[in-house]
Amino acid sequence: MINQVIIPILLLFANVISTVVIVRFVLGLLVAFNVVDYSNQIVASLIHGLDSILDPMLRPIQRHMPDTGGIDFSPIVLLLLIRIVTIIFSYIGTHLP
């Protein structure tokens, strides 16, 4: 039961969150290099929506990270944690009866 239903759902959720982190990172780069304008309502609402999804996961990581100037490494840490959890769930999914 757990192999057939819960593990694939958790893996799908991990993949979706990883994709959201990467999309937010790319949008941040596009805004930083003036490829897209933050005053554009669509861009601003997309960034705000992605931030509202990611902030609950990134804030606990940011609290424990040292101050690195202007660079935020918490998305990288989140991606690493998601990858570790994905590996663990994949292992559980293939080795449990």
N, C-alpha and C. Protein backbone atom coordinates (compact mmCIF):
# COMPACT_ATOMS: atom_id res chain seq x y z
N MET A 1 0.83 -1.20 0.00
CA MET A 1 0.00 0.00 0.00
C MET A 1 0.86 1.25 0.00
N ILE A 2 1.83 1.31 0.94
CA ILE A 2 2.65 2.51 1.03
C ILE A 2 3.51 2.69 -0.22
N ASN A 3 3.95 1.57 -0.81
CA ASN A 3 4.77 1.65 -2.02
C ASN A 3 3.98 2.16 -3.21
N GLN A 4 2.72 1.79 -3.28
CA GLN A 4 1.93 2.08 -4.46
C GLN A 4 1.25 3.43 -4.44
N VAL A 5 1.01 4.01 -3.29
CA VAL A 5 0.25 5.25 -3.22
C VAL A 5 1.03 6.40 -2.60
N ILE A 6 1.48 6.22 -1.39
CA ILE A 6 2.05 7.34 -0.64
C ILE A 6 3.42 7.75 -1.17
N ILE A 7 4.29 6.80 -1.42
CA ILE A 7 5.65 7.13 -1.88
C ILE A 7 5.63 7.87 -3.21
N PRO A 8 4.88 7.42 -4.23
CA PRO A 8 4.85 8.20 -5.48
C PRO A 8 4.29 9.61 -5.30
N ILE A 9 3.33 9.78 -4.41
CA ILE A 9 2.78 11.11 -4.16
C ILE A 9 3.83 12.00 -3.50
N LEU A 10 4.57 11.46 -2.54
CA LEU A 10 5.64 12.23 -1.89
C LEU A 10 6.75 12.58 -2.88
N LEU A 11 7.09 11.65 -3.76
CA LEU A 11 8.12 11.93 -4.76
C LEU A 11 7.65 12.98 -5.76
N LEU A 12 6.38 12.93 -6.13
CA LEU A 12 5.82 13.96 -7.02
C LEU A 12 5.85 15.32 -6.35
N PHE A 13 5.48 15.38 -5.08
CA PHE A 13 5.51 16.63 -4.33
C PHE A 13 6.94 17.18 -4.26
N ALA A 14 7.91 16.32 -4.03
CA ALA A 14 9.31 16.75 -3.97
C ALA A 14 9.76 17.30 -5.32
N ASN A 15 9.35 16.66 -6.40
CA ASN A 15 9.71 17.16 -7.73
C ASN A 15 9.06 18.50 -8.04
N VAL A 16 7.82 18.67 -7.62
CA VAL A 16 7.13 19.95 -7.85
C VAL A 16 7.81 21.07 -7.08
N ILE A 17 8.15 20.83 -5.82
CA ILE A 17 8.82 21.85 -5.02
C ILE A 17 10.19 22.17 -5.59
N SER A 18 10.92 21.17 -6.05
CA SER A 18 12.22 21.41 -6.68
C SER A 18 12.07 22.28 -7.92
N THR A 19 11.05 22.01 -8.71
CA THR A 19 10.80 22.82 -9.91
C THR A 19 10.45 24.25 -9.54
N VAL A 20 9.66 24.43 -8.50
CA VAL A 20 9.30 25.78 -8.05
C VAL A 20 10.54 26.54 -7.60
N VAL A 21 11.44 25.88 -6.88
CA VAL A 21 12.68 26.53 -6.43
C VAL A 21 13.50 26.98 -7.64
N ILE A 22 13.62 26.12 -8.63
CA ILE A 22 14.42 26.46 -9.81
C ILE A 22 13.78 27.58 -10.62
N VAL A 23 12.46 27.54 -10.78
CA VAL A 23 11.77 28.61 -11.51
C VAL A 23 11.94 29.94 -10.79
N ARG A 24 11.84 29.93 -9.47
CA ARG A 24 12.02 31.17 -8.70
C ARG A 24 13.44 31.69 -8.83
N PHE A 25 14.40 30.80 -8.85
CA PHE A 25 15.80 31.20 -9.03
C PHE A 25 16.01 31.84 -10.40
N VAL A 26 15.47 31.23 -11.44
CA VAL A 26 15.62 31.77 -12.79
C VAL A 26 14.93 33.12 -12.90
N LEU A 27 13.74 33.25 -12.32
CA LEU A 27 13.05 34.55 -12.35
C LEU A 27 13.86 35.61 -11.62
N GLY A 28 14.46 35.25 -10.50
CA GLY A 28 15.30 36.19 -9.77
C GLY A 28 16.49 36.66 -10.60
N LEU A 29 17.09 35.73 -11.34
CA LEU A 29 18.20 36.11 -12.22
C LEU A 29 17.73 37.02 -13.35
N LEU A 30 16.58 36.70 -13.93
CA LEU A 30 16.06 37.53 -15.02
C LEU A 30 15.75 38.95 -14.55
N VAL A 31 15.25 39.09 -13.35
CA VAL A 31 14.98 40.41 -12.79
C VAL A 31 16.29 41.11 -12.47
N ALA A 32 17.25 40.39 -11.90
CA ALA A 32 18.52 40.99 -11.51
C ALA A 32 19.30 41.51 -12.72
N PHE A 33 19.20 40.83 -13.84
CA PHE A 33 19.93 41.24 -15.04
C PHE A 33 19.07 42.06 -15.99
N ASN A 34 17.93 42.55 -15.51
CA ASN A 34 17.03 43.43 -16.27
C ASN A 34 16.54 42.81 -17.57
N VAL A 35 16.38 41.51 -17.60
CA VAL A 35 15.79 40.86 -18.76
C VAL A 35 14.28 41.02 -18.71
N VAL A 36 13.72 40.88 -17.52
CA VAL A 36 12.31 41.17 -17.29
C VAL A 36 12.23 42.25 -16.23
N ASP A 37 11.16 43.01 -16.27
CA ASP A 37 11.00 44.13 -15.36
C ASP A 37 10.07 43.74 -14.21
N TYR A 38 10.53 44.00 -12.99
CA TYR A 38 9.72 43.65 -11.81
C TYR A 38 8.46 44.49 -11.74
N SER A 39 8.45 45.65 -12.39
CA SER A 39 7.24 46.47 -12.37
C SER A 39 6.14 45.89 -13.26
N ASN A 40 6.47 44.90 -14.08
CA ASN A 40 5.47 44.18 -14.85
C ASN A 40 4.59 43.41 -13.87
N GLN A 41 3.29 43.61 -13.98
CA GLN A 41 2.36 43.03 -13.02
C GLN A 41 2.38 41.50 -13.03
N ILE A 42 2.53 40.91 -14.19
CA ILE A 42 2.55 39.45 -14.28
C ILE A 42 3.80 38.89 -13.60
N VAL A 43 4.94 39.51 -13.87
CA VAL A 43 6.20 39.06 -13.26
C VAL A 43 6.14 39.22 -11.74
N ALA A 44 5.65 40.38 -11.29
CA ALA A 44 5.58 40.64 -9.85
C ALA A 44 4.64 39.66 -9.15
N SER A 45 3.50 39.38 -9.76
CA SER A 45 2.56 38.46 -9.13
C SER A 45 3.09 37.02 -9.16
N LEU A 46 3.81 36.66 -10.21
CA LEU A 46 4.40 35.32 -10.28
C LEU A 46 5.48 35.15 -9.20
N ILE A 47 6.34 36.16 -9.05
CA ILE A 47 7.38 36.10 -8.03
C ILE A 47 6.75 36.07 -6.64
N HIS A 48 5.73 36.90 -6.43
CA HIS A 48 5.07 36.93 -5.12
C HIS A 48 4.42 35.57 -4.82
N GLY A 49 3.78 34.97 -5.81
CA GLY A 49 3.15 33.66 -5.60
C GLY A 49 4.16 32.57 -5.29
N LEU A 50 5.27 32.57 -6.02
CA LEU A 50 6.31 31.57 -5.77
C LEU A 50 6.95 31.79 -4.40
N ASP A 51 7.16 33.06 -4.03
CA ASP A 51 7.71 33.35 -2.71
C ASP A 51 6.78 32.90 -1.59
N SER A 52 5.48 33.06 -1.80
CA SER A 52 4.54 32.63 -0.75
C SER A 52 4.53 31.11 -0.60
N ILE A 53 4.86 30.39 -1.67
CA ILE A 53 4.96 28.94 -1.57
C ILE A 53 6.27 28.53 -0.89
N LEU A 54 7.37 29.21 -1.25
CA LEU A 54 8.69 28.79 -0.78
C LEU A 54 9.09 29.34 0.58
N ASP A 55 8.57 30.50 0.96
CA ASP A 55 9.00 31.12 2.22
C ASP A 55 8.84 30.22 3.45
N PRO A 56 7.73 29.49 3.60
CA PRO A 56 7.64 28.62 4.79
C PRO A 56 8.72 27.54 4.84
N MET A 57 9.25 27.15 3.70
CA MET A 57 10.31 26.15 3.68
C MET A 57 11.70 26.77 3.79
N LEU A 58 11.86 27.99 3.28
CA LEU A 58 13.17 28.63 3.27
C LEU A 58 13.51 29.35 4.57
N ARG A 59 12.51 29.89 5.25
CA ARG A 59 12.80 30.67 6.46
C ARG A 59 13.50 29.88 7.56
N PRO A 60 13.09 28.65 7.87
CA PRO A 60 13.84 27.91 8.89
C PRO A 60 15.29 27.66 8.49
N ILE A 61 15.53 27.45 7.21
CA ILE A 61 16.89 27.25 6.73
C ILE A 61 17.68 28.55 6.85
N GLN A 62 17.05 29.67 6.49
CA GLN A 62 17.72 30.97 6.55
C GLN A 62 18.10 31.35 7.97
N ARG A 63 17.29 30.94 8.94
CA ARG A 63 17.60 31.25 10.34
C ARG A 63 18.88 30.57 10.79
N HIS A 64 19.17 29.39 10.24
CA HIS A 64 20.35 28.63 10.67
C HIS A 64 21.57 28.87 9.79
N MET A 65 21.39 29.61 8.70
CA MET A 65 22.51 29.88 7.79
C MET A 65 23.27 31.12 8.25
N PRO A 66 24.58 31.13 8.09
CA PRO A 66 25.34 32.34 8.44
C PRO A 66 25.09 33.45 7.42
N ASP A 67 25.34 34.68 7.82
CA ASP A 67 25.18 35.82 6.92
C ASP A 67 26.29 35.78 5.88
N THR A 68 25.91 35.73 4.61
CA THR A 68 26.90 35.64 3.53
C THR A 68 26.92 36.89 2.67
N GLY A 69 26.49 37.99 3.20
CA GLY A 69 26.45 39.21 2.40
C GLY A 69 25.11 39.31 1.70
N GLY A 70 25.13 39.34 0.40
CA GLY A 70 23.88 39.46 -0.35
C GLY A 70 23.45 38.18 -1.02
N ILE A 71 24.14 37.08 -0.75
CA ILE A 71 23.84 35.82 -1.43
C ILE A 71 23.06 34.92 -0.48
N ASP A 72 21.93 34.42 -0.98
CA ASP A 72 21.08 33.53 -0.19
C ASP A 72 21.28 32.10 -0.67
N PHE A 73 21.89 31.29 0.18
CA PHE A 73 22.16 29.90 -0.17
C PHE A 73 21.05 28.95 0.28
N SER A 74 19.99 29.47 0.90
CA SER A 74 18.94 28.59 1.40
C SER A 74 18.22 27.81 0.31
N PRO A 75 18.01 28.34 -0.91
CA PRO A 75 17.40 27.49 -1.95
C PRO A 75 18.26 26.29 -2.32
N ILE A 76 19.59 26.47 -2.30
CA ILE A 76 20.48 25.35 -2.60
C ILE A 76 20.36 24.29 -1.51
N VAL A 77 20.33 24.74 -0.26
CA VAL A 77 20.19 23.81 0.86
C VAL A 77 18.84 23.08 0.77
N LEU A 78 17.78 23.82 0.42
CA LEU A 78 16.47 23.19 0.27
C LEU A 78 16.49 22.14 -0.84
N LEU A 79 17.12 22.45 -1.96
CA LEU A 79 17.21 21.47 -3.04
C LEU A 79 18.00 20.24 -2.61
N LEU A 80 19.06 20.43 -1.85
CA LEU A 80 19.82 19.29 -1.34
C LEU A 80 19.00 18.44 -0.38
N LEU A 81 18.25 19.10 0.51
CA LEU A 81 17.39 18.36 1.44
C LEU A 81 16.30 17.59 0.70
N ILE A 82 15.72 18.22 -0.31
CA ILE A 82 14.69 17.54 -1.11
C ILE A 82 15.30 16.33 -1.82
N ARG A 83 16.50 16.48 -2.33
CA ARG A 83 17.17 15.36 -3.01
C ARG A 83 17.45 14.21 -2.04
N ILE A 84 17.89 14.54 -0.84
CA ILE A 84 18.15 13.50 0.16
C ILE A 84 16.86 12.77 0.52
N VAL A 85 15.78 13.52 0.73
CA VAL A 85 14.49 12.90 1.05
C VAL A 85 14.00 12.05 -0.12
N THR A 86 14.21 12.51 -1.35
CA THR A 86 13.81 11.75 -2.52
C THR A 86 14.57 10.43 -2.60
N ILE A 87 15.86 10.46 -2.32
CA ILE A 87 16.66 9.23 -2.33
C ILE A 87 16.16 8.26 -1.26
N ILE A 88 15.87 8.78 -0.08
CA ILE A 88 15.38 7.93 1.01
C ILE A 88 14.03 7.31 0.65
N PHE A 89 13.10 8.12 0.14
CA PHE A 89 11.79 7.58 -0.23
C PHE A 89 11.89 6.59 -1.38
N SER A 90 12.77 6.85 -2.33
CA SER A 90 12.95 5.90 -3.43
C SER A 90 13.48 4.57 -2.92
N TYR A 91 14.42 4.64 -1.99
CA TYR A 91 14.96 3.42 -1.39
C TYR A 91 13.88 2.66 -0.63
N ILE A 92 13.10 3.39 0.15
CA ILE A 92 12.01 2.76 0.91
C ILE A 92 11.00 2.15 -0.06
N GLY A 93 10.69 2.86 -1.12
CA GLY A 93 9.71 2.37 -2.08
C GLY A 93 10.14 1.12 -2.81
N THR A 94 11.43 0.97 -3.02
CA THR A 94 11.89 -0.22 -3.75
C THR A 94 12.25 -1.39 -2.84
N HIS A 95 12.46 -1.13 -1.55
CA HIS A 95 12.90 -2.20 -0.65
C HIS A 95 11.84 -2.65 0.35
N LEU A 96 10.71 -2.00 0.39
CA LEU A 96 9.63 -2.47 1.26
C LEU A 96 8.71 -3.38 0.47
N PRO A 97 8.16 -4.39 1.13
CA PRO A 97 7.25 -5.30 0.42
C PRO A 97 5.94 -4.64 0.05
